[in-house]
Amino acid sequence: MMKSTLYILIILISFKIYPQAKLEGKYCSIPIGESDVICIDFQEKNRFEYKRSGCLGLASFGEGSYELKNSTLRLNFDKKEQNLRSKVSITEKPSLSDHNVVFEFNIKDRYGIPLFVFVSEKGNDKDIGIYPEENKIILPKSNQTVTYKVIAVGYEIVELSLQQLTGKVIDIVLFEPQPKPISEQTISWELSEIKPDGFKTGEEFWNSTFRKVQK
């Protein structure tokens, strides 16, 4: 009898703590040191919008549906795709050799300023530096298609799938990186505190404390 009574009391206490716990409106994390700030806007029909910002501005974002069961908050992100802003133009160029092909890279930023970049074959750690005045690489002629990454500090990473059967002139206009979308992922927190004005994602000092803010 005592065990049954104790079990009922535990259920009632849990029900008292969490049943009316509800998240509505916009909540932002209180940064620790130089950590990023996360803001979550809880909307109708269990929808949410998520944004994480750092010293350079918006870093990542997403939206989806959320679940709050007892003390567990689960953010289920929708699928979200993002297109590159950088522009790529590839022109075939006949090869003068029976054994090699030449890839010529003309890479500028959106203001027309030539850039130094690294070009690397995907899956290969070896990088080739491409300078505005030394912008050609010679490769063995082959009918295979190879994926290359074009990397410049402070700009979007561009991937190119190129067949090495003919030479090519590759013109690229690079743009600055965009905020990263969070797609088809789930973030789950065990909340240690839920109040009308905020919630906390754990007991340790490094866990985030969120406070409700005015939109």
N, C-alpha and C. Protein backbone atom coordinates (compact mmCIF):
# COMPACT_ATOMS: atom_id res chain seq x y z
N MET A 1 0.84 -1.21 0.00
CA MET A 1 0.00 0.00 0.00
C MET A 1 0.88 1.25 0.00
N MET A 2 1.95 1.25 0.84
CA MET A 2 2.83 2.41 0.92
C MET A 2 3.55 2.63 -0.41
N LYS A 3 3.96 1.52 -1.08
CA LYS A 3 4.65 1.65 -2.37
C LYS A 3 3.73 2.27 -3.40
N SER A 4 2.46 1.85 -3.40
CA SER A 4 1.49 2.40 -4.36
C SER A 4 1.27 3.88 -4.10
N THR A 5 1.17 4.25 -2.80
CA THR A 5 0.96 5.66 -2.45
C THR A 5 2.16 6.51 -2.88
N LEU A 6 3.37 5.97 -2.64
CA LEU A 6 4.58 6.69 -3.02
C LEU A 6 4.66 6.88 -4.53
N TYR A 7 4.30 5.85 -5.26
CA TYR A 7 4.32 5.90 -6.73
C TYR A 7 3.35 6.96 -7.24
N ILE A 8 2.17 7.02 -6.61
CA ILE A 8 1.16 8.02 -7.01
C ILE A 8 1.66 9.43 -6.71
N LEU A 9 2.33 9.58 -5.54
CA LEU A 9 2.86 10.90 -5.17
C LEU A 9 3.91 11.37 -6.16
N ILE A 10 4.76 10.44 -6.61
CA ILE A 10 5.80 10.79 -7.60
C ILE A 10 5.16 11.27 -8.90
N ILE A 11 4.12 10.56 -9.33
CA ILE A 11 3.42 10.95 -10.56
C ILE A 11 2.79 12.32 -10.40
N LEU A 12 2.17 12.54 -9.23
CA LEU A 12 1.51 13.84 -9.01
C LEU A 12 2.51 14.98 -8.96
N ILE A 13 3.67 14.73 -8.33
CA ILE A 13 4.70 15.76 -8.27
C ILE A 13 5.21 16.08 -9.66
N SER A 14 5.46 15.02 -10.47
CA SER A 14 5.93 15.23 -11.84
C SER A 14 4.90 15.99 -12.64
N PHE A 15 3.64 15.63 -12.43
CA PHE A 15 2.55 16.30 -13.16
C PHE A 15 2.47 17.76 -12.76
N LYS A 16 2.76 18.01 -11.49
CA LYS A 16 2.68 19.39 -11.00
C LYS A 16 3.80 20.24 -11.58
N ILE A 17 4.98 19.64 -11.78
CA ILE A 17 6.13 20.39 -12.27
C ILE A 17 6.03 20.68 -13.76
N TYR A 18 5.64 19.68 -14.59
CA TYR A 18 5.77 19.81 -16.02
C TYR A 18 4.50 19.95 -16.85
N PRO A 19 3.31 19.63 -16.33
CA PRO A 19 2.18 19.56 -17.23
C PRO A 19 1.83 20.87 -17.89
N GLN A 20 2.03 21.98 -17.15
CA GLN A 20 1.68 23.27 -17.70
C GLN A 20 2.89 23.98 -18.28
N ALA A 21 4.03 23.27 -18.30
CA ALA A 21 5.22 23.87 -18.90
C ALA A 21 4.95 24.08 -20.37
N LYS A 22 5.08 25.30 -20.79
CA LYS A 22 4.76 25.65 -22.17
C LYS A 22 5.74 26.69 -22.65
N LEU A 23 6.18 26.52 -23.88
CA LEU A 23 7.12 27.46 -24.46
C LEU A 23 6.41 28.24 -25.56
N GLU A 24 6.32 29.53 -25.38
CA GLU A 24 5.68 30.39 -26.36
C GLU A 24 6.52 31.64 -26.55
N GLY A 25 6.72 32.06 -27.78
CA GLY A 25 7.47 33.27 -28.04
C GLY A 25 8.94 33.00 -28.26
N LYS A 26 9.73 34.05 -28.15
CA LYS A 26 11.16 34.00 -28.49
C LYS A 26 12.03 33.93 -27.23
N TYR A 27 12.96 33.00 -27.24
CA TYR A 27 13.90 32.82 -26.14
C TYR A 27 15.32 32.87 -26.70
N CYS A 28 16.23 33.53 -25.99
CA CYS A 28 17.63 33.61 -26.41
C CYS A 28 18.54 33.15 -25.27
N SER A 29 19.63 32.49 -25.65
CA SER A 29 20.58 32.01 -24.64
C SER A 29 21.42 33.17 -24.11
N ILE A 30 21.84 33.03 -22.86
CA ILE A 30 22.74 34.00 -22.24
C ILE A 30 24.16 33.54 -22.52
N PRO A 31 24.96 34.30 -23.29
CA PRO A 31 26.29 33.82 -23.68
C PRO A 31 27.23 33.71 -22.50
N ILE A 32 28.08 32.67 -22.54
CA ILE A 32 29.14 32.47 -21.56
C ILE A 32 30.45 32.83 -22.23
N GLY A 33 31.10 33.88 -21.78
CA GLY A 33 32.34 34.32 -22.42
C GLY A 33 32.05 34.80 -23.83
N GLU A 34 32.73 34.19 -24.81
CA GLU A 34 32.59 34.57 -26.21
C GLU A 34 31.74 33.56 -26.98
N SER A 35 30.91 32.80 -26.28
CA SER A 35 30.10 31.79 -26.96
C SER A 35 29.02 32.44 -27.81
N ASP A 36 28.53 31.67 -28.78
CA ASP A 36 27.47 32.17 -29.66
C ASP A 36 26.17 32.32 -28.90
N VAL A 37 25.27 33.08 -29.49
CA VAL A 37 23.93 33.26 -28.92
C VAL A 37 22.93 32.51 -29.79
N ILE A 38 22.11 31.69 -29.16
CA ILE A 38 21.06 30.94 -29.87
C ILE A 38 19.71 31.55 -29.52
N CYS A 39 18.91 31.84 -30.53
CA CYS A 39 17.55 32.33 -30.32
C CYS A 39 16.56 31.36 -30.97
N ILE A 40 15.54 31.01 -30.22
CA ILE A 40 14.51 30.09 -30.72
C ILE A 40 13.16 30.76 -30.56
N ASP A 41 12.42 30.83 -31.63
CA ASP A 41 11.08 31.41 -31.62
C ASP A 41 10.07 30.27 -31.69
N PHE A 42 9.40 30.00 -30.58
CA PHE A 42 8.41 28.94 -30.52
C PHE A 42 7.07 29.51 -31.00
N GLN A 43 6.49 28.88 -32.01
CA GLN A 43 5.31 29.41 -32.68
C GLN A 43 4.12 28.48 -32.52
N GLU A 44 3.03 28.83 -33.16
CA GLU A 44 1.82 28.00 -33.09
C GLU A 44 2.03 26.67 -33.81
N LYS A 45 1.20 25.69 -33.43
CA LYS A 45 1.21 24.35 -34.03
C LYS A 45 2.58 23.69 -33.89
N ASN A 46 3.23 23.96 -32.77
CA ASN A 46 4.52 23.34 -32.44
C ASN A 46 5.61 23.58 -33.49
N ARG A 47 5.58 24.75 -34.10
CA ARG A 47 6.63 25.13 -35.04
C ARG A 47 7.66 26.03 -34.33
N PHE A 48 8.87 26.06 -34.87
CA PHE A 48 9.90 26.92 -34.29
C PHE A 48 10.82 27.44 -35.39
N GLU A 49 11.47 28.56 -35.09
CA GLU A 49 12.55 29.09 -35.91
C GLU A 49 13.79 29.22 -35.03
N TYR A 50 14.94 28.82 -35.57
CA TYR A 50 16.19 28.74 -34.80
C TYR A 50 17.26 29.57 -35.50
N LYS A 51 18.00 30.38 -34.71
CA LYS A 51 19.11 31.16 -35.25
C LYS A 51 20.26 31.15 -34.25
N ARG A 52 21.47 30.90 -34.76
CA ARG A 52 22.67 30.96 -33.93
C ARG A 52 23.60 32.03 -34.49
N SER A 53 23.98 32.98 -33.67
CA SER A 53 24.79 34.11 -34.12
C SER A 53 26.07 34.20 -33.30
N GLY A 54 27.15 34.62 -33.97
CA GLY A 54 28.43 34.83 -33.31
C GLY A 54 28.95 36.22 -33.56
N CYS A 55 30.25 36.39 -33.37
CA CYS A 55 30.84 37.72 -33.51
C CYS A 55 30.80 38.22 -34.95
N LEU A 56 30.66 37.29 -35.92
CA LEU A 56 30.62 37.68 -37.33
C LEU A 56 29.20 37.73 -37.87
N GLY A 57 28.22 37.62 -36.98
CA GLY A 57 26.82 37.68 -37.42
C GLY A 57 26.17 36.31 -37.41
N LEU A 58 25.12 36.16 -38.21
CA LEU A 58 24.37 34.91 -38.25
C LEU A 58 25.24 33.77 -38.76
N ALA A 59 25.33 32.67 -37.97
CA ALA A 59 26.18 31.54 -38.32
C ALA A 59 25.39 30.36 -38.86
N SER A 60 24.24 30.07 -38.27
CA SER A 60 23.40 28.96 -38.73
C SER A 60 21.95 29.25 -38.40
N PHE A 61 21.08 28.57 -39.12
CA PHE A 61 19.65 28.81 -38.95
C PHE A 61 18.87 27.58 -39.38
N GLY A 62 17.58 27.54 -38.99
CA GLY A 62 16.73 26.43 -39.39
C GLY A 62 15.34 26.60 -38.82
N GLU A 63 14.47 25.72 -39.22
CA GLU A 63 13.11 25.73 -38.70
C GLU A 63 12.57 24.31 -38.73
N GLY A 64 11.49 24.09 -38.00
CA GLY A 64 10.92 22.75 -37.96
C GLY A 64 9.82 22.66 -36.91
N SER A 65 9.66 21.46 -36.37
CA SER A 65 8.64 21.23 -35.34
C SER A 65 9.34 20.81 -34.04
N TYR A 66 8.72 21.17 -32.91
CA TYR A 66 9.34 20.83 -31.63
C TYR A 66 8.38 20.01 -30.78
N GLU A 67 8.98 19.25 -29.85
CA GLU A 67 8.22 18.46 -28.88
C GLU A 67 8.74 18.79 -27.49
N LEU A 68 7.85 18.98 -26.55
CA LEU A 68 8.21 19.17 -25.15
C LEU A 68 7.43 18.14 -24.34
N LYS A 69 8.13 17.08 -23.93
CA LYS A 69 7.52 16.02 -23.15
C LYS A 69 8.25 15.92 -21.83
N ASN A 70 7.50 16.15 -20.75
CA ASN A 70 8.10 16.22 -19.42
C ASN A 70 9.24 17.23 -19.48
N SER A 71 10.48 16.79 -19.26
CA SER A 71 11.59 17.75 -19.26
C SER A 71 12.43 17.68 -20.54
N THR A 72 11.96 16.93 -21.54
CA THR A 72 12.74 16.76 -22.77
C THR A 72 12.23 17.68 -23.87
N LEU A 73 13.11 18.53 -24.36
CA LEU A 73 12.79 19.40 -25.49
C LEU A 73 13.53 18.88 -26.71
N ARG A 74 12.77 18.59 -27.75
CA ARG A 74 13.36 18.05 -28.98
C ARG A 74 13.02 18.97 -30.15
N LEU A 75 14.05 19.45 -30.84
CA LEU A 75 13.88 20.28 -32.02
C LEU A 75 14.15 19.44 -33.26
N ASN A 76 13.12 19.24 -34.07
CA ASN A 76 13.26 18.45 -35.29
C ASN A 76 13.30 19.40 -36.49
N PHE A 77 14.45 19.51 -37.12
CA PHE A 77 14.64 20.47 -38.20
C PHE A 77 14.14 19.93 -39.54
N ASP A 78 13.47 20.79 -40.28
CA ASP A 78 13.02 20.44 -41.63
C ASP A 78 14.21 20.33 -42.57
N LYS A 79 13.97 19.71 -43.72
CA LYS A 79 14.99 19.67 -44.76
C LYS A 79 15.12 21.05 -45.38
N LYS A 80 16.35 21.51 -45.50
CA LYS A 80 16.59 22.84 -46.06
C LYS A 80 17.84 22.81 -46.93
N GLU A 81 17.70 23.26 -48.16
CA GLU A 81 18.83 23.27 -49.08
C GLU A 81 19.30 24.71 -49.29
N GLN A 82 20.56 24.82 -49.67
CA GLN A 82 21.13 26.14 -49.89
C GLN A 82 21.97 26.13 -51.15
N ASN A 83 21.72 27.06 -52.03
CA ASN A 83 22.49 27.18 -53.27
C ASN A 83 23.65 28.14 -53.08
N LEU A 84 24.77 27.83 -53.74
CA LEU A 84 25.91 28.73 -53.70
C LEU A 84 25.60 30.02 -54.44
N ARG A 85 26.15 31.11 -53.94
CA ARG A 85 26.04 32.38 -54.64
C ARG A 85 27.17 32.55 -55.65
N SER A 86 28.27 31.83 -55.42
CA SER A 86 29.41 31.92 -56.33
C SER A 86 29.02 31.45 -57.73
N LYS A 87 29.63 32.07 -58.73
CA LYS A 87 29.27 31.79 -60.12
C LYS A 87 30.43 31.09 -60.82
N VAL A 88 30.10 30.04 -61.58
CA VAL A 88 31.12 29.24 -62.26
C VAL A 88 30.79 29.14 -63.74
N SER A 89 31.80 29.35 -64.57
CA SER A 89 31.65 29.20 -66.02
C SER A 89 32.83 28.37 -66.52
N ILE A 90 32.54 27.30 -67.26
CA ILE A 90 33.59 26.40 -67.75
C ILE A 90 33.53 26.33 -69.27
N THR A 91 34.66 26.59 -69.91
CA THR A 91 34.77 26.55 -71.37
C THR A 91 35.77 25.48 -71.77
N GLU A 92 35.36 24.61 -72.68
CA GLU A 92 36.27 23.57 -73.17
C GLU A 92 37.37 24.20 -74.02
N LYS A 93 38.58 23.66 -73.87
CA LYS A 93 39.73 24.17 -74.62
C LYS A 93 40.50 22.98 -75.18
N PRO A 94 40.62 22.88 -76.52
CA PRO A 94 41.33 21.73 -77.11
C PRO A 94 42.74 21.59 -76.55
N SER A 95 43.11 20.33 -76.31
CA SER A 95 44.43 20.06 -75.78
C SER A 95 45.43 19.95 -76.91
N LEU A 96 46.62 20.52 -76.70
CA LEU A 96 47.68 20.45 -77.71
C LEU A 96 48.57 19.23 -77.51
N SER A 97 48.28 18.46 -76.49
CA SER A 97 49.09 17.28 -76.18
C SER A 97 48.23 16.04 -76.23
N ASP A 98 48.84 14.92 -76.59
CA ASP A 98 48.13 13.63 -76.59
C ASP A 98 48.11 13.01 -75.19
N HIS A 99 48.89 13.57 -74.28
CA HIS A 99 49.05 12.93 -72.98
C HIS A 99 48.55 13.77 -71.81
N ASN A 100 48.52 15.09 -71.98
CA ASN A 100 48.16 15.98 -70.87
C ASN A 100 47.06 16.95 -71.26
N VAL A 101 46.40 17.48 -70.24
CA VAL A 101 45.42 18.54 -70.43
C VAL A 101 45.79 19.70 -69.50
N VAL A 102 45.35 20.89 -69.85
CA VAL A 102 45.63 22.07 -69.03
C VAL A 102 44.32 22.66 -68.53
N PHE A 103 44.25 22.85 -67.22
CA PHE A 103 43.11 23.55 -66.60
C PHE A 103 43.58 24.95 -66.23
N GLU A 104 42.90 25.94 -66.77
CA GLU A 104 43.24 27.34 -66.48
C GLU A 104 42.17 27.94 -65.58
N PHE A 105 42.57 28.44 -64.42
CA PHE A 105 41.65 28.99 -63.44
C PHE A 105 41.74 30.52 -63.41
N ASN A 106 40.60 31.17 -63.64
CA ASN A 106 40.51 32.62 -63.49
C ASN A 106 39.53 32.89 -62.36
N ILE A 107 40.04 33.26 -61.19
CA ILE A 107 39.20 33.35 -60.00
C ILE A 107 39.27 34.76 -59.42
N LYS A 108 38.11 35.36 -59.24
CA LYS A 108 38.01 36.72 -58.71
C LYS A 108 36.92 36.78 -57.64
N ASP A 109 36.96 37.84 -56.85
CA ASP A 109 35.85 38.05 -55.93
C ASP A 109 34.75 38.83 -56.65
N ARG A 110 33.68 39.12 -55.96
CA ARG A 110 32.53 39.76 -56.63
C ARG A 110 32.81 41.19 -57.06
N TYR A 111 33.95 41.73 -56.61
CA TYR A 111 34.34 43.08 -57.03
C TYR A 111 35.34 43.05 -58.17
N GLY A 112 35.64 41.84 -58.66
CA GLY A 112 36.56 41.71 -59.79
C GLY A 112 38.02 41.64 -59.42
N ILE A 113 38.33 41.50 -58.13
CA ILE A 113 39.72 41.42 -57.68
C ILE A 113 40.21 39.97 -57.75
N PRO A 114 41.32 39.71 -58.47
CA PRO A 114 41.85 38.34 -58.56
C PRO A 114 42.21 37.78 -57.19
N LEU A 115 41.99 36.48 -57.01
CA LEU A 115 42.21 35.84 -55.71
C LEU A 115 43.22 34.72 -55.82
N PHE A 116 43.97 34.52 -54.73
CA PHE A 116 44.79 33.33 -54.56
C PHE A 116 43.91 32.25 -53.93
N VAL A 117 43.93 31.04 -54.50
CA VAL A 117 43.11 29.96 -53.97
C VAL A 117 43.92 28.67 -53.93
N PHE A 118 43.38 27.70 -53.20
CA PHE A 118 43.90 26.34 -53.25
C PHE A 118 42.90 25.47 -54.02
N VAL A 119 43.43 24.60 -54.87
CA VAL A 119 42.61 23.62 -55.57
C VAL A 119 43.06 22.24 -55.12
N SER A 120 42.12 21.44 -54.65
CA SER A 120 42.48 20.10 -54.18
C SER A 120 41.51 19.07 -54.73
N GLU A 121 42.04 17.91 -55.04
CA GLU A 121 41.19 16.81 -55.48
C GLU A 121 40.47 16.24 -54.27
N LYS A 122 39.17 16.03 -54.40
CA LYS A 122 38.39 15.53 -53.27
C LYS A 122 38.92 14.16 -52.84
N GLY A 123 39.17 14.03 -51.55
CA GLY A 123 39.71 12.78 -51.04
C GLY A 123 41.22 12.75 -51.03
N ASN A 124 41.85 13.80 -51.56
CA ASN A 124 43.31 13.90 -51.59
C ASN A 124 43.72 15.13 -50.78
N ASP A 125 44.67 14.96 -49.86
CA ASP A 125 45.07 16.05 -48.98
C ASP A 125 46.00 17.05 -49.65
N LYS A 126 46.47 16.73 -50.84
CA LYS A 126 47.43 17.61 -51.52
C LYS A 126 46.70 18.81 -52.14
N ASP A 127 47.14 20.02 -51.78
CA ASP A 127 46.57 21.25 -52.32
C ASP A 127 47.51 21.86 -53.34
N ILE A 128 46.92 22.46 -54.38
CA ILE A 128 47.69 23.17 -55.40
C ILE A 128 47.34 24.64 -55.31
N GLY A 129 48.34 25.49 -55.11
CA GLY A 129 48.10 26.92 -55.03
C GLY A 129 47.91 27.52 -56.41
N ILE A 130 46.86 28.29 -56.58
CA ILE A 130 46.57 28.95 -57.85
C ILE A 130 46.70 30.46 -57.64
N TYR A 131 47.69 31.05 -58.31
CA TYR A 131 47.91 32.49 -58.22
C TYR A 131 47.31 33.17 -59.46
N PRO A 132 46.94 34.45 -59.36
CA PRO A 132 46.42 35.15 -60.53
C PRO A 132 47.37 35.09 -61.73
N GLU A 133 48.69 35.13 -61.45
CA GLU A 133 49.66 35.13 -62.55
C GLU A 133 50.17 33.72 -62.88
N GLU A 134 49.87 32.76 -62.02
CA GLU A 134 50.24 31.35 -62.26
C GLU A 134 49.00 30.50 -62.04
N ASN A 135 48.15 30.50 -63.04
CA ASN A 135 46.80 29.97 -62.84
C ASN A 135 46.50 28.70 -63.64
N LYS A 136 47.53 27.98 -64.04
CA LYS A 136 47.30 26.77 -64.84
C LYS A 136 47.88 25.56 -64.14
N ILE A 137 47.17 24.44 -64.26
CA ILE A 137 47.71 23.17 -63.78
C ILE A 137 47.64 22.17 -64.93
N ILE A 138 48.67 21.33 -65.01
CA ILE A 138 48.75 20.32 -66.06
C ILE A 138 48.45 18.97 -65.45
N LEU A 139 47.54 18.24 -66.09
CA LEU A 139 47.09 16.95 -65.57
C LEU A 139 47.16 15.89 -66.67
N PRO A 140 47.35 14.64 -66.29
CA PRO A 140 47.35 13.58 -67.31
C PRO A 140 45.97 13.44 -67.95
N LYS A 141 45.96 13.27 -69.26
CA LYS A 141 44.69 13.13 -69.98
C LYS A 141 44.02 11.82 -69.55
N SER A 142 42.72 11.90 -69.25
CA SER A 142 41.98 10.74 -68.77
C SER A 142 40.49 10.98 -69.01
N ASN A 143 39.74 9.90 -69.20
CA ASN A 143 38.29 10.05 -69.37
C ASN A 143 37.54 9.97 -68.05
N GLN A 144 38.29 9.88 -66.96
CA GLN A 144 37.62 9.84 -65.65
C GLN A 144 37.21 11.25 -65.23
N THR A 145 36.17 11.31 -64.39
CA THR A 145 35.69 12.58 -63.86
C THR A 145 36.17 12.71 -62.42
N VAL A 146 36.81 13.82 -62.14
CA VAL A 146 37.39 14.05 -60.81
C VAL A 146 36.72 15.27 -60.19
N THR A 147 36.43 15.21 -58.89
CA THR A 147 35.84 16.33 -58.17
C THR A 147 36.93 17.12 -57.47
N TYR A 148 36.95 18.41 -57.74
CA TYR A 148 37.93 19.31 -57.13
C TYR A 148 37.23 20.31 -56.22
N LYS A 149 37.94 20.73 -55.18
CA LYS A 149 37.47 21.80 -54.31
C LYS A 149 38.31 23.04 -54.55
N VAL A 150 37.64 24.17 -54.69
CA VAL A 150 38.32 25.46 -54.81
C VAL A 150 38.12 26.20 -53.49
N ILE A 151 39.23 26.47 -52.80
CA ILE A 151 39.14 27.00 -51.44
C ILE A 151 39.92 28.32 -51.34
N ALA A 152 39.24 29.34 -50.86
CA ALA A 152 39.88 30.63 -50.57
C ALA A 152 39.39 31.09 -49.20
N VAL A 153 40.30 31.57 -48.37
CA VAL A 153 39.94 32.00 -47.01
C VAL A 153 38.93 33.14 -47.08
N GLY A 154 37.81 32.95 -46.35
CA GLY A 154 36.80 33.99 -46.29
C GLY A 154 35.77 33.94 -47.40
N TYR A 155 35.79 32.83 -48.19
CA TYR A 155 34.84 32.72 -49.31
C TYR A 155 34.20 31.33 -49.30
N GLU A 156 33.12 31.19 -50.08
CA GLU A 156 32.46 29.90 -50.21
C GLU A 156 33.41 28.88 -50.82
N ILE A 157 33.25 27.63 -50.42
CA ILE A 157 34.00 26.53 -51.05
C ILE A 157 33.20 26.03 -52.25
N VAL A 158 33.85 25.98 -53.39
CA VAL A 158 33.19 25.55 -54.63
C VAL A 158 33.71 24.17 -55.02
N GLU A 159 32.80 23.26 -55.33
CA GLU A 159 33.18 21.94 -55.81
C GLU A 159 32.90 21.84 -57.31
N LEU A 160 33.86 21.27 -58.04
CA LEU A 160 33.74 21.13 -59.49
C LEU A 160 34.00 19.68 -59.88
N SER A 161 33.12 19.11 -60.68
CA SER A 161 33.35 17.77 -61.23
C SER A 161 33.80 17.94 -62.68
N LEU A 162 35.07 17.61 -62.93
CA LEU A 162 35.67 17.88 -64.23
C LEU A 162 36.22 16.60 -64.86
N GLN A 163 35.90 16.43 -66.13
CA GLN A 163 36.47 15.31 -66.88
C GLN A 163 37.82 15.74 -67.46
N GLN A 164 38.81 14.91 -67.33
CA GLN A 164 40.16 15.28 -67.72
C GLN A 164 40.51 14.81 -69.13
N LEU A 165 39.53 14.86 -70.01
CA LEU A 165 39.76 14.43 -71.40
C LEU A 165 40.16 15.60 -72.28
N THR A 166 39.70 16.82 -71.93
CA THR A 166 40.05 18.02 -72.68
C THR A 166 40.46 19.13 -71.71
N GLY A 167 41.19 20.11 -72.24
CA GLY A 167 41.56 21.25 -71.43
C GLY A 167 40.35 22.11 -71.12
N LYS A 168 40.45 22.98 -70.12
CA LYS A 168 39.31 23.80 -69.72
C LYS A 168 39.79 25.16 -69.20
N VAL A 169 38.97 26.17 -69.47
CA VAL A 169 39.14 27.48 -68.86
C VAL A 169 38.01 27.62 -67.85
N ILE A 170 38.37 27.80 -66.59
CA ILE A 170 37.38 27.80 -65.50
C ILE A 170 37.35 29.20 -64.89
N ASP A 171 36.25 29.90 -65.11
CA ASP A 171 36.07 31.24 -64.56
C ASP A 171 35.14 31.15 -63.35
N ILE A 172 35.60 31.67 -62.21
CA ILE A 172 34.82 31.60 -60.98
C ILE A 172 34.78 32.98 -60.32
N VAL A 173 33.58 33.39 -59.93
CA VAL A 173 33.41 34.58 -59.10
C VAL A 173 33.00 34.10 -57.71
N LEU A 174 33.87 34.32 -56.73
CA LEU A 174 33.62 33.81 -55.38
C LEU A 174 32.91 34.85 -54.51
N PHE A 175 31.95 34.36 -53.73
CA PHE A 175 31.23 35.21 -52.78
C PHE A 175 31.58 34.78 -51.35
N GLU A 176 31.33 35.67 -50.40
CA GLU A 176 31.55 35.35 -49.00
C GLU A 176 30.60 34.22 -48.57
N PRO A 177 31.00 33.44 -47.56
CA PRO A 177 30.15 32.32 -47.12
C PRO A 177 28.82 32.80 -46.54
N GLN A 178 27.80 31.99 -46.74
CA GLN A 178 26.48 32.28 -46.21
C GLN A 178 26.30 31.56 -44.87
N PRO A 179 25.34 32.03 -44.05
CA PRO A 179 25.00 31.26 -42.85
C PRO A 179 24.60 29.83 -43.23
N LYS A 180 24.96 28.89 -42.39
CA LYS A 180 24.74 27.47 -42.69
C LYS A 180 23.35 27.02 -42.25
N PRO A 181 22.55 26.44 -43.18
CA PRO A 181 21.24 25.93 -42.75
C PRO A 181 21.38 24.60 -42.01
N ILE A 182 20.56 24.41 -40.99
CA ILE A 182 20.50 23.13 -40.29
C ILE A 182 19.37 22.33 -40.93
N SER A 183 19.71 21.19 -41.49
CA SER A 183 18.75 20.43 -42.29
C SER A 183 18.64 18.99 -41.80
N GLU A 184 17.40 18.55 -41.60
CA GLU A 184 17.09 17.16 -41.24
C GLU A 184 17.94 16.66 -40.07
N GLN A 185 18.05 17.49 -39.05
CA GLN A 185 18.74 17.10 -37.82
C GLN A 185 17.79 17.26 -36.63
N THR A 186 18.19 16.67 -35.52
CA THR A 186 17.41 16.79 -34.29
C THR A 186 18.33 17.22 -33.15
N ILE A 187 17.92 18.25 -32.44
CA ILE A 187 18.62 18.67 -31.22
C ILE A 187 17.73 18.33 -30.03
N SER A 188 18.27 17.64 -29.06
CA SER A 188 17.48 17.20 -27.91
C SER A 188 18.16 17.67 -26.62
N TRP A 189 17.38 18.29 -25.76
CA TRP A 189 17.89 18.76 -24.47
C TRP A 189 17.03 18.21 -23.34
N GLU A 190 17.68 17.84 -22.24
CA GLU A 190 16.99 17.51 -21.00
C GLU A 190 16.97 18.78 -20.16
N LEU A 191 15.82 19.41 -20.06
CA LEU A 191 15.75 20.70 -19.38
C LEU A 191 15.76 20.51 -17.86
N SER A 192 16.63 21.26 -17.21
CA SER A 192 16.70 21.19 -15.75
C SER A 192 15.80 22.25 -15.11
N GLU A 193 15.30 23.17 -15.93
CA GLU A 193 14.47 24.25 -15.40
C GLU A 193 13.55 24.75 -16.51
N ILE A 194 12.27 24.88 -16.19
CA ILE A 194 11.32 25.46 -17.13
C ILE A 194 10.46 26.46 -16.36
N LYS A 195 10.54 27.72 -16.75
CA LYS A 195 9.76 28.78 -16.12
C LYS A 195 9.12 29.63 -17.21
N PRO A 196 8.12 30.42 -16.85
CA PRO A 196 7.49 31.28 -17.87
C PRO A 196 8.47 32.21 -18.56
N ASP A 197 9.54 32.61 -17.83
CA ASP A 197 10.47 33.57 -18.42
C ASP A 197 11.73 32.92 -18.98
N GLY A 198 11.79 31.58 -18.98
CA GLY A 198 12.97 30.95 -19.55
C GLY A 198 13.13 29.48 -19.18
N PHE A 199 14.22 28.90 -19.65
CA PHE A 199 14.51 27.48 -19.35
C PHE A 199 16.02 27.28 -19.40
N LYS A 200 16.46 26.14 -18.84
CA LYS A 200 17.88 25.82 -18.80
C LYS A 200 18.08 24.40 -19.30
N THR A 201 19.17 24.20 -20.09
CA THR A 201 19.37 22.91 -20.76
C THR A 201 20.20 21.92 -19.96
N GLY A 202 20.46 22.18 -18.70
CA GLY A 202 21.20 21.24 -17.86
C GLY A 202 21.65 21.89 -16.57
N GLU A 203 22.26 21.08 -15.70
CA GLU A 203 22.66 21.57 -14.38
C GLU A 203 24.06 22.17 -14.38
N GLU A 204 24.92 21.79 -15.35
CA GLU A 204 26.30 22.24 -15.33
C GLU A 204 26.41 23.70 -15.77
N PHE A 205 27.53 24.34 -15.39
CA PHE A 205 27.68 25.77 -15.66
C PHE A 205 27.76 26.07 -17.15
N TRP A 206 28.21 25.06 -17.94
CA TRP A 206 28.35 25.31 -19.38
C TRP A 206 27.03 25.10 -20.14
N ASN A 207 26.03 24.58 -19.47
CA ASN A 207 24.74 24.43 -20.13
C ASN A 207 24.10 25.80 -20.35
N SER A 208 23.30 25.89 -21.40
CA SER A 208 22.74 27.19 -21.77
C SER A 208 21.51 27.54 -20.96
N THR A 209 21.44 28.79 -20.58
CA THR A 209 20.25 29.36 -19.95
C THR A 209 19.58 30.27 -20.97
N PHE A 210 18.30 30.03 -21.23
CA PHE A 210 17.53 30.82 -22.19
C PHE A 210 16.57 31.72 -21.44
N ARG A 211 16.46 32.95 -21.88
CA ARG A 211 15.52 33.89 -21.29
C ARG A 211 14.58 34.42 -22.37
N LYS A 212 13.33 34.62 -21.99
CA LYS A 212 12.34 35.12 -22.95
C LYS A 212 12.63 36.57 -23.27
N VAL A 213 12.50 36.91 -24.56
CA VAL A 213 12.78 38.28 -25.00
C VAL A 213 11.59 38.79 -25.79
N GLN A 214 11.49 40.09 -25.90
CA GLN A 214 10.44 40.71 -26.69
C GLN A 214 10.85 40.68 -28.16
N LYS A 215 9.91 40.34 -29.04
CA LYS A 215 10.20 40.31 -30.47
C LYS A 215 10.33 41.73 -31.03
